């Protein structure tokens, strides 16, 4: 019985962290979609968010996410790749890494 409270507390902390990650991921995707050029007829096929690999010359950043937005338009398919830094309490910072 004495172990129930600590186990419940740990489960609550893990659930809160997962919920915070989902909110961060959603914020990064929304910001990235807003940066894609508004070409008529463009549709978003897929969005993908993953933890960012460490980039040489930058400190280890636990808030960085890679965001890939795959789009289709009349001229063809493309994937916009962004680095998103969504540190709590700060403005989201996006950096376009490339278009493939």
N, C-alpha and C. Protein backbone atom coordinates (compact mmCIF):
# COMPACT_ATOMS: atom_id res chain seq x y z
N UNK A 1 0.81 -1.19 0.00
CA UNK A 1 0.00 0.00 0.00
C UNK A 1 0.85 1.26 0.00
N UNK A 2 2.01 1.22 0.68
CA UNK A 2 2.86 2.40 0.76
C UNK A 2 3.47 2.74 -0.60
N UNK A 3 3.60 1.78 -1.48
CA UNK A 3 4.20 2.01 -2.79
C UNK A 3 3.21 2.62 -3.78
N UNK A 4 1.93 2.60 -3.50
CA UNK A 4 0.93 3.08 -4.43
C UNK A 4 1.10 4.56 -4.74
N UNK A 5 1.30 5.40 -3.76
CA UNK A 5 1.43 6.85 -3.97
C UNK A 5 2.64 7.20 -4.83
N UNK A 6 3.84 6.66 -4.56
CA UNK A 6 4.99 6.98 -5.44
C UNK A 6 4.80 6.49 -6.87
N UNK A 7 4.23 5.31 -7.04
CA UNK A 7 4.01 4.77 -8.38
C UNK A 7 3.01 5.64 -9.12
N UNK A 8 1.95 6.05 -8.45
CA UNK A 8 0.95 6.92 -9.06
C UNK A 8 1.56 8.27 -9.43
N UNK A 9 2.39 8.81 -8.56
CA UNK A 9 3.05 10.09 -8.83
C UNK A 9 3.96 9.98 -10.05
N UNK A 10 4.71 8.89 -10.16
CA UNK A 10 5.60 8.70 -11.31
C UNK A 10 4.80 8.57 -12.60
N UNK A 11 3.68 7.87 -12.56
CA UNK A 11 2.83 7.72 -13.74
C UNK A 11 2.25 9.07 -14.17
N UNK A 12 1.87 9.89 -13.20
CA UNK A 12 1.32 11.21 -13.49
C UNK A 12 2.37 12.11 -14.13
N UNK A 13 3.60 12.07 -13.65
CA UNK A 13 4.68 12.87 -14.21
C UNK A 13 4.97 12.42 -15.64
N UNK A 14 5.01 11.12 -15.89
CA UNK A 14 5.27 10.60 -17.23
C UNK A 14 4.15 11.01 -18.19
N UNK A 15 2.91 10.95 -17.76
CA UNK A 15 1.78 11.34 -18.58
C UNK A 15 1.84 12.83 -18.89
N UNK A 16 2.18 13.66 -17.92
CA UNK A 16 2.29 15.11 -18.13
C UNK A 16 3.39 15.43 -19.13
N UNK A 17 4.51 14.74 -19.04
CA UNK A 17 5.62 14.97 -19.97
C UNK A 17 5.22 14.59 -21.39
N UNK A 18 4.51 13.47 -21.53
CA UNK A 18 4.07 13.05 -22.86
C UNK A 18 3.09 14.05 -23.45
N UNK A 19 2.20 14.57 -22.63
CA UNK A 19 1.23 15.56 -23.09
C UNK A 19 1.94 16.85 -23.50
N UNK A 20 2.96 17.24 -22.76
CA UNK A 20 3.73 18.44 -23.09
C UNK A 20 4.46 18.25 -24.42
N UNK A 21 5.02 17.05 -24.66
CA UNK A 21 5.70 16.76 -25.92
C UNK A 21 4.73 16.85 -27.10
N UNK A 22 3.52 16.35 -26.93
CA UNK A 22 2.51 16.42 -27.99
C UNK A 22 2.16 17.87 -28.30
N UNK A 23 2.04 18.69 -27.28
CA UNK A 23 1.74 20.11 -27.49
C UNK A 23 2.89 20.81 -28.20
N UNK A 24 4.12 20.48 -27.82
CA UNK A 24 5.29 21.06 -28.46
C UNK A 24 5.34 20.63 -29.92
N UNK A 25 5.13 19.35 -30.19
CA UNK A 25 5.14 18.85 -31.56
C UNK A 25 4.07 19.55 -32.40
N UNK A 26 2.88 19.69 -31.85
CA UNK A 26 1.79 20.35 -32.55
C UNK A 26 2.12 21.81 -32.85
N UNK A 27 2.73 22.50 -31.90
CA UNK A 27 3.13 23.90 -32.10
C UNK A 27 4.18 24.01 -33.19
N UNK A 28 5.13 23.09 -33.21
CA UNK A 28 6.17 23.10 -34.23
C UNK A 28 5.58 22.86 -35.62
N UNK A 29 4.65 21.91 -35.74
CA UNK A 29 4.02 21.63 -37.02
C UNK A 29 3.23 22.84 -37.50
N UNK A 30 2.47 23.46 -36.61
CA UNK A 30 1.68 24.64 -36.98
C UNK A 30 2.57 25.77 -37.48
N UNK A 31 3.67 26.00 -36.78
CA UNK A 31 4.60 27.06 -37.18
C UNK A 31 5.24 26.73 -38.53
N UNK A 32 5.60 25.47 -38.74
CA UNK A 32 6.25 25.06 -40.00
C UNK A 32 5.28 25.17 -41.18
N UNK A 33 4.04 24.76 -40.98
CA UNK A 33 3.04 24.86 -42.05
C UNK A 33 2.85 26.33 -42.44
N UNK A 34 2.91 27.22 -41.48
CA UNK A 34 2.78 28.65 -41.76
C UNK A 34 3.93 29.21 -42.57
N UNK A 35 5.06 28.53 -42.60
CA UNK A 35 6.23 29.00 -43.36
C UNK A 35 6.29 28.45 -44.78
N UNK A 36 5.42 27.49 -45.11
CA UNK A 36 5.42 26.93 -46.46
C UNK A 36 4.76 27.94 -47.40
N UNK A 37 5.36 28.17 -48.59
CA UNK A 37 4.79 29.14 -49.53
C UNK A 37 3.35 28.79 -49.89
N UNK A 38 2.52 29.80 -49.98
CA UNK A 38 1.10 29.60 -50.28
C UNK A 38 0.85 29.50 -51.78
N UNK A 39 1.21 28.38 -52.37
CA UNK A 39 1.00 28.15 -53.79
C UNK A 39 -0.38 27.52 -53.96
N UNK A 40 -1.24 28.12 -54.82
CA UNK A 40 -2.58 27.55 -55.01
C UNK A 40 -2.51 26.08 -55.44
N UNK A 41 -3.37 25.27 -54.88
CA UNK A 41 -3.44 23.86 -55.22
C UNK A 41 -2.48 22.98 -54.45
N UNK A 42 -1.68 23.56 -53.57
CA UNK A 42 -0.73 22.77 -52.77
C UNK A 42 -1.47 22.06 -51.65
N UNK A 43 -1.20 20.78 -51.49
CA UNK A 43 -1.79 20.02 -50.39
C UNK A 43 -0.68 19.39 -49.56
N UNK A 44 -0.93 19.28 -48.27
CA UNK A 44 0.02 18.64 -47.36
C UNK A 44 -0.30 17.16 -47.31
N UNK A 45 0.69 16.35 -47.68
CA UNK A 45 0.51 14.89 -47.68
C UNK A 45 0.79 14.28 -46.32
N UNK A 46 1.84 14.80 -45.65
CA UNK A 46 2.27 14.16 -44.41
C UNK A 46 3.09 15.14 -43.59
N UNK A 47 2.98 15.01 -42.28
CA UNK A 47 3.85 15.75 -41.37
C UNK A 47 4.53 14.73 -40.46
N UNK A 48 5.78 15.01 -40.13
CA UNK A 48 6.54 14.11 -39.27
C UNK A 48 7.38 14.95 -38.32
N UNK A 49 7.35 14.60 -37.05
CA UNK A 49 8.14 15.29 -36.04
C UNK A 49 9.00 14.26 -35.33
N UNK A 50 10.27 14.58 -35.17
CA UNK A 50 11.17 13.68 -34.46
C UNK A 50 12.16 14.50 -33.64
N UNK A 51 12.76 13.87 -32.66
CA UNK A 51 13.79 14.55 -31.89
C UNK A 51 14.95 14.84 -32.82
N UNK A 52 15.54 15.99 -32.61
CA UNK A 52 16.63 16.41 -33.47
C UNK A 52 17.92 15.72 -33.08
N UNK A 53 18.67 15.31 -34.10
CA UNK A 53 20.01 14.80 -33.85
C UNK A 53 20.90 15.97 -33.45
N UNK A 54 21.92 15.70 -32.70
CA UNK A 54 22.81 16.77 -32.27
C UNK A 54 23.50 17.36 -33.49
N UNK A 55 23.50 18.68 -33.57
CA UNK A 55 24.13 19.40 -34.67
C UNK A 55 25.49 19.87 -34.22
N UNK A 56 26.51 19.61 -35.03
CA UNK A 56 27.88 20.00 -34.67
C UNK A 56 27.96 21.50 -34.41
N UNK A 57 28.61 21.86 -33.33
CA UNK A 57 28.81 23.27 -33.00
C UNK A 57 27.69 23.90 -32.20
N UNK A 58 26.67 23.13 -31.87
CA UNK A 58 25.58 23.66 -31.05
C UNK A 58 25.49 22.85 -29.77
N UNK A 59 25.05 23.50 -28.70
CA UNK A 59 24.90 22.74 -27.46
C UNK A 59 23.78 21.71 -27.57
N UNK A 60 23.84 20.69 -26.74
CA UNK A 60 22.80 19.67 -26.72
C UNK A 60 21.48 20.34 -26.34
N UNK A 61 20.51 20.27 -27.23
CA UNK A 61 19.24 20.97 -27.04
C UNK A 61 18.11 19.95 -26.92
N UNK A 62 17.53 19.86 -25.73
CA UNK A 62 16.46 18.89 -25.49
C UNK A 62 15.12 19.36 -26.04
N UNK A 63 15.04 20.62 -26.48
CA UNK A 63 13.78 21.16 -26.98
C UNK A 63 13.70 21.18 -28.50
N UNK A 64 14.78 20.81 -29.19
CA UNK A 64 14.80 20.87 -30.65
C UNK A 64 14.08 19.66 -31.25
N UNK A 65 13.35 19.94 -32.32
CA UNK A 65 12.62 18.90 -33.04
C UNK A 65 12.88 19.08 -34.53
N UNK A 66 12.98 17.98 -35.27
CA UNK A 66 12.99 18.02 -36.72
C UNK A 66 11.54 17.92 -37.18
N UNK A 67 11.15 18.80 -38.08
CA UNK A 67 9.79 18.78 -38.62
C UNK A 67 9.90 18.65 -40.13
N UNK A 68 9.26 17.61 -40.68
CA UNK A 68 9.24 17.40 -42.13
C UNK A 68 7.80 17.54 -42.59
N UNK A 69 7.58 18.45 -43.54
CA UNK A 69 6.25 18.66 -44.11
C UNK A 69 6.33 18.24 -45.58
N UNK A 70 5.63 17.18 -45.95
CA UNK A 70 5.60 16.71 -47.34
C UNK A 70 4.40 17.32 -48.04
N UNK A 71 4.63 17.96 -49.19
CA UNK A 71 3.55 18.64 -49.91
C UNK A 71 3.50 18.15 -51.36
N UNK A 72 2.34 18.34 -51.97
CA UNK A 72 2.14 18.03 -53.39
C UNK A 72 1.51 19.26 -54.04
N UNK A 73 2.02 19.60 -55.22
CA UNK A 73 1.44 20.69 -56.01
C UNK A 73 1.49 20.30 -57.48
N UNK A 74 0.97 21.16 -58.34
CA UNK A 74 0.97 20.86 -59.77
C UNK A 74 2.39 20.68 -60.29
N UNK A 75 3.34 21.39 -59.72
CA UNK A 75 4.72 21.32 -60.21
C UNK A 75 5.48 20.11 -59.66
N UNK A 76 4.93 19.40 -58.69
CA UNK A 76 5.58 18.21 -58.17
C UNK A 76 5.49 18.09 -56.66
N UNK A 77 6.22 17.11 -56.14
CA UNK A 77 6.24 16.86 -54.70
C UNK A 77 7.49 17.47 -54.10
N UNK A 78 7.38 17.86 -52.83
CA UNK A 78 8.53 18.42 -52.12
C UNK A 78 8.39 18.10 -50.64
N UNK A 79 9.53 18.13 -49.96
CA UNK A 79 9.54 17.96 -48.50
C UNK A 79 10.32 19.12 -47.91
N UNK A 80 9.67 19.88 -47.05
CA UNK A 80 10.30 20.99 -46.34
C UNK A 80 10.77 20.47 -45.00
N UNK A 81 12.04 20.66 -44.70
CA UNK A 81 12.62 20.16 -43.45
C UNK A 81 13.03 21.36 -42.60
N UNK A 82 12.48 21.42 -41.38
CA UNK A 82 12.75 22.51 -40.46
C UNK A 82 13.37 21.99 -39.17
N UNK A 83 14.14 22.82 -38.53
CA UNK A 83 14.58 22.59 -37.16
C UNK A 83 13.76 23.53 -36.30
N UNK A 84 13.03 22.98 -35.36
CA UNK A 84 12.14 23.76 -34.51
C UNK A 84 12.65 23.73 -33.07
N UNK A 85 12.81 24.89 -32.49
CA UNK A 85 13.17 24.98 -31.08
C UNK A 85 11.98 25.56 -30.34
N UNK A 86 11.35 24.75 -29.52
CA UNK A 86 10.14 25.15 -28.81
C UNK A 86 10.37 25.08 -27.31
N UNK A 87 11.31 25.86 -26.84
CA UNK A 87 11.61 25.87 -25.41
C UNK A 87 10.44 26.50 -24.65
N UNK A 88 9.98 25.86 -23.58
CA UNK A 88 8.83 26.39 -22.83
C UNK A 88 9.06 27.84 -22.37
N UNK A 89 8.04 28.65 -22.55
CA UNK A 89 8.10 30.04 -22.11
C UNK A 89 8.78 30.97 -23.09
N UNK A 90 9.24 30.44 -24.23
CA UNK A 90 9.90 31.25 -25.24
C UNK A 90 9.19 31.09 -26.58
N UNK A 91 9.43 32.06 -27.46
CA UNK A 91 8.84 32.01 -28.79
C UNK A 91 9.46 30.86 -29.59
N UNK A 92 8.64 30.19 -30.40
CA UNK A 92 9.13 29.10 -31.24
C UNK A 92 10.05 29.67 -32.30
N UNK A 93 11.20 29.02 -32.48
CA UNK A 93 12.17 29.42 -33.48
C UNK A 93 12.28 28.32 -34.52
N UNK A 94 12.05 28.66 -35.79
CA UNK A 94 12.15 27.70 -36.89
C UNK A 94 13.34 28.06 -37.77
N UNK A 95 14.04 27.04 -38.22
CA UNK A 95 15.11 27.25 -39.19
C UNK A 95 14.92 26.24 -40.31
N UNK A 96 14.81 26.75 -41.54
CA UNK A 96 14.65 25.88 -42.70
C UNK A 96 15.99 25.21 -42.98
N UNK A 97 16.00 23.88 -42.94
CA UNK A 97 17.23 23.12 -43.19
C UNK A 97 17.36 22.77 -44.67
N UNK A 98 16.23 22.61 -45.35
CA UNK A 98 16.30 22.27 -46.76
C UNK A 98 14.95 21.93 -47.34
N UNK A 99 14.92 21.90 -48.67
CA UNK A 99 13.72 21.50 -49.41
C UNK A 99 14.16 20.39 -50.35
N UNK A 100 13.49 19.25 -50.27
CA UNK A 100 13.81 18.12 -51.14
C UNK A 100 12.63 17.76 -51.97
